[in-house]
Amino acid sequence: MVVSESVSFNFSMVSKIVGDKIKLINKKGKHITAHLELSRNTLLEQHMLLNLLFL
């Protein structure tokens, strides 16, 4: 899951998810203050992760 500690509410909720198959990718950036900005700024990472799922 792609998350950012800059979006504190979402990050606190996602941090509670536990599982062997769950990996959190913490994107840090001064321009990320809301979930919408995280989505916009991580398109490349999201596509890479989706491609890995299909391999």
N, C-alpha and C. Protein backbone atom coordinates (compact mmCIF):
# COMPACT_ATOMS: atom_id res chain seq x y z
N MET A 1 0.85 -1.17 0.00
CA MET A 1 0.00 0.00 0.00
C MET A 1 0.89 1.23 0.00
N VAL A 2 0.53 2.18 -0.84
CA VAL A 2 1.25 3.44 -0.90
C VAL A 2 0.54 4.42 0.03
N VAL A 3 1.27 4.89 1.03
CA VAL A 3 0.72 5.83 2.02
C VAL A 3 1.72 6.95 2.26
N SER A 4 1.30 7.94 3.00
CA SER A 4 2.21 9.02 3.37
C SER A 4 1.95 9.42 4.82
N GLU A 5 3.02 9.54 5.56
CA GLU A 5 2.86 9.96 6.96
C GLU A 5 2.41 11.42 7.05
N SER A 6 2.49 12.14 5.92
CA SER A 6 2.02 13.52 5.88
C SER A 6 0.49 13.60 5.96
N VAL A 7 -0.20 12.53 5.58
CA VAL A 7 -1.66 12.45 5.69
C VAL A 7 -1.93 11.62 6.94
N SER A 8 -1.92 12.29 8.08
CA SER A 8 -1.86 11.60 9.37
C SER A 8 -3.03 10.66 9.64
N PHE A 9 -4.26 11.04 9.30
CA PHE A 9 -5.41 10.17 9.59
C PHE A 9 -5.30 8.86 8.81
N ASN A 10 -5.10 8.97 7.51
CA ASN A 10 -5.00 7.76 6.69
C ASN A 10 -3.81 6.90 7.12
N PHE A 11 -2.68 7.54 7.42
CA PHE A 11 -1.49 6.80 7.81
C PHE A 11 -1.72 6.05 9.12
N SER A 12 -2.40 6.68 10.06
CA SER A 12 -2.66 6.01 11.35
C SER A 12 -3.59 4.81 11.17
N MET A 13 -4.56 4.92 10.27
CA MET A 13 -5.48 3.81 10.02
C MET A 13 -4.77 2.66 9.29
N VAL A 14 -4.00 2.99 8.29
CA VAL A 14 -3.31 1.96 7.50
C VAL A 14 -2.23 1.27 8.33
N SER A 15 -1.61 1.99 9.24
CA SER A 15 -0.55 1.42 10.08
C SER A 15 -1.07 0.31 10.98
N LYS A 16 -2.37 0.27 11.21
CA LYS A 16 -2.96 -0.76 12.06
C LYS A 16 -3.18 -2.08 11.32
N ILE A 17 -3.08 -2.05 9.99
CA ILE A 17 -3.28 -3.27 9.20
C ILE A 17 -2.05 -4.16 9.34
N VAL A 18 -2.26 -5.39 9.73
CA VAL A 18 -1.16 -6.32 9.95
C VAL A 18 -1.36 -7.52 9.03
N GLY A 19 -0.28 -7.99 8.44
CA GLY A 19 -0.36 -9.17 7.59
C GLY A 19 0.97 -9.43 6.91
N ASP A 20 1.21 -10.69 6.59
CA ASP A 20 2.45 -11.07 5.94
C ASP A 20 2.54 -10.53 4.52
N LYS A 21 1.41 -10.35 3.88
CA LYS A 21 1.41 -9.93 2.48
C LYS A 21 1.20 -8.43 2.31
N ILE A 22 1.17 -7.70 3.41
CA ILE A 22 0.97 -6.25 3.36
C ILE A 22 2.32 -5.56 3.51
N LYS A 23 2.62 -4.69 2.57
CA LYS A 23 3.84 -3.88 2.65
C LYS A 23 3.45 -2.42 2.49
N LEU A 24 3.85 -1.60 3.43
CA LEU A 24 3.55 -0.18 3.36
C LEU A 24 4.71 0.57 2.72
N ILE A 25 4.41 1.37 1.74
CA ILE A 25 5.40 2.23 1.10
C ILE A 25 5.07 3.65 1.53
N ASN A 26 5.92 4.23 2.37
CA ASN A 26 5.69 5.56 2.93
C ASN A 26 6.33 6.59 2.01
N LYS A 27 5.49 7.34 1.29
CA LYS A 27 5.99 8.41 0.42
C LYS A 27 6.05 9.68 1.24
N LYS A 28 7.25 10.23 1.35
CA LYS A 28 7.43 11.48 2.08
C LYS A 28 7.60 12.61 1.07
N GLY A 29 6.96 13.70 1.33
CA GLY A 29 7.10 14.85 0.46
C GLY A 29 6.43 16.07 1.06
N LYS A 30 7.08 17.21 0.86
CA LYS A 30 6.52 18.43 1.45
C LYS A 30 5.26 18.88 0.73
N HIS A 31 5.02 18.37 -0.49
CA HIS A 31 3.84 18.76 -1.25
C HIS A 31 2.64 17.87 -0.96
N ILE A 32 2.84 16.78 -0.21
CA ILE A 32 1.75 15.86 0.08
C ILE A 32 1.14 16.23 1.43
N THR A 33 -0.09 16.71 1.38
CA THR A 33 -0.80 17.06 2.63
C THR A 33 -2.19 16.42 2.68
N ALA A 34 -2.63 15.82 1.57
CA ALA A 34 -3.94 15.18 1.51
C ALA A 34 -3.84 13.94 0.62
N HIS A 35 -4.81 13.05 0.77
CA HIS A 35 -4.79 11.80 0.02
C HIS A 35 -4.78 12.04 -1.50
N LEU A 36 -5.50 13.05 -1.94
CA LEU A 36 -5.56 13.36 -3.37
C LEU A 36 -4.16 13.67 -3.92
N GLU A 37 -3.38 14.41 -3.17
CA GLU A 37 -2.01 14.74 -3.61
C GLU A 37 -1.12 13.50 -3.61
N LEU A 38 -1.35 12.60 -2.68
CA LEU A 38 -0.60 11.35 -2.65
C LEU A 38 -0.89 10.54 -3.91
N SER A 39 -2.14 10.45 -4.27
CA SER A 39 -2.53 9.71 -5.48
C SER A 39 -1.88 10.30 -6.71
N ARG A 40 -1.90 11.61 -6.82
CA ARG A 40 -1.31 12.30 -7.97
C ARG A 40 0.20 12.12 -8.04
N ASN A 41 0.86 12.15 -6.90
CA ASN A 41 2.33 12.12 -6.87
C ASN A 41 2.92 10.71 -6.87
N THR A 42 2.09 9.68 -6.89
CA THR A 42 2.63 8.32 -6.87
C THR A 42 2.10 7.46 -8.03
N LEU A 43 1.71 8.09 -9.12
CA LEU A 43 1.20 7.32 -10.26
C LEU A 43 2.20 6.31 -10.78
N LEU A 44 3.47 6.70 -10.88
CA LEU A 44 4.48 5.77 -11.38
C LEU A 44 4.62 4.56 -10.46
N GLU A 45 4.65 4.78 -9.16
CA GLU A 45 4.76 3.68 -8.21
C GLU A 45 3.54 2.76 -8.28
N GLN A 46 2.36 3.36 -8.42
CA GLN A 46 1.14 2.56 -8.50
C GLN A 46 1.15 1.67 -9.74
N HIS A 47 1.59 2.20 -10.86
CA HIS A 47 1.65 1.40 -12.09
C HIS A 47 2.68 0.28 -11.97
N MET A 48 3.82 0.58 -11.36
CA MET A 48 4.85 -0.44 -11.18
C MET A 48 4.32 -1.58 -10.30
N LEU A 49 3.63 -1.24 -9.21
CA LEU A 49 3.10 -2.27 -8.32
C LEU A 49 2.02 -3.11 -9.01
N LEU A 50 1.18 -2.49 -9.82
CA LEU A 50 0.17 -3.23 -10.56
C LEU A 50 0.83 -4.18 -11.57
N ASN A 51 1.86 -3.71 -12.24
CA ASN A 51 2.57 -4.57 -13.18
C ASN A 51 3.21 -5.76 -12.49
N LEU A 52 3.74 -5.54 -11.29
CA LEU A 52 4.33 -6.66 -10.55
C LEU A 52 3.29 -7.70 -10.17
N LEU A 53 2.07 -7.26 -9.91
CA LEU A 53 1.01 -8.19 -9.57
C LEU A 53 0.65 -9.10 -10.74
N PHE A 54 0.79 -8.59 -11.95
CA PHE A 54 0.43 -9.37 -13.13
C PHE A 54 1.53 -10.32 -13.59
N LEU A 55 2.73 -10.19 -13.05
CA LEU A 55 3.83 -11.09 -13.44
C LEU A 55 3.74 -12.42 -12.77
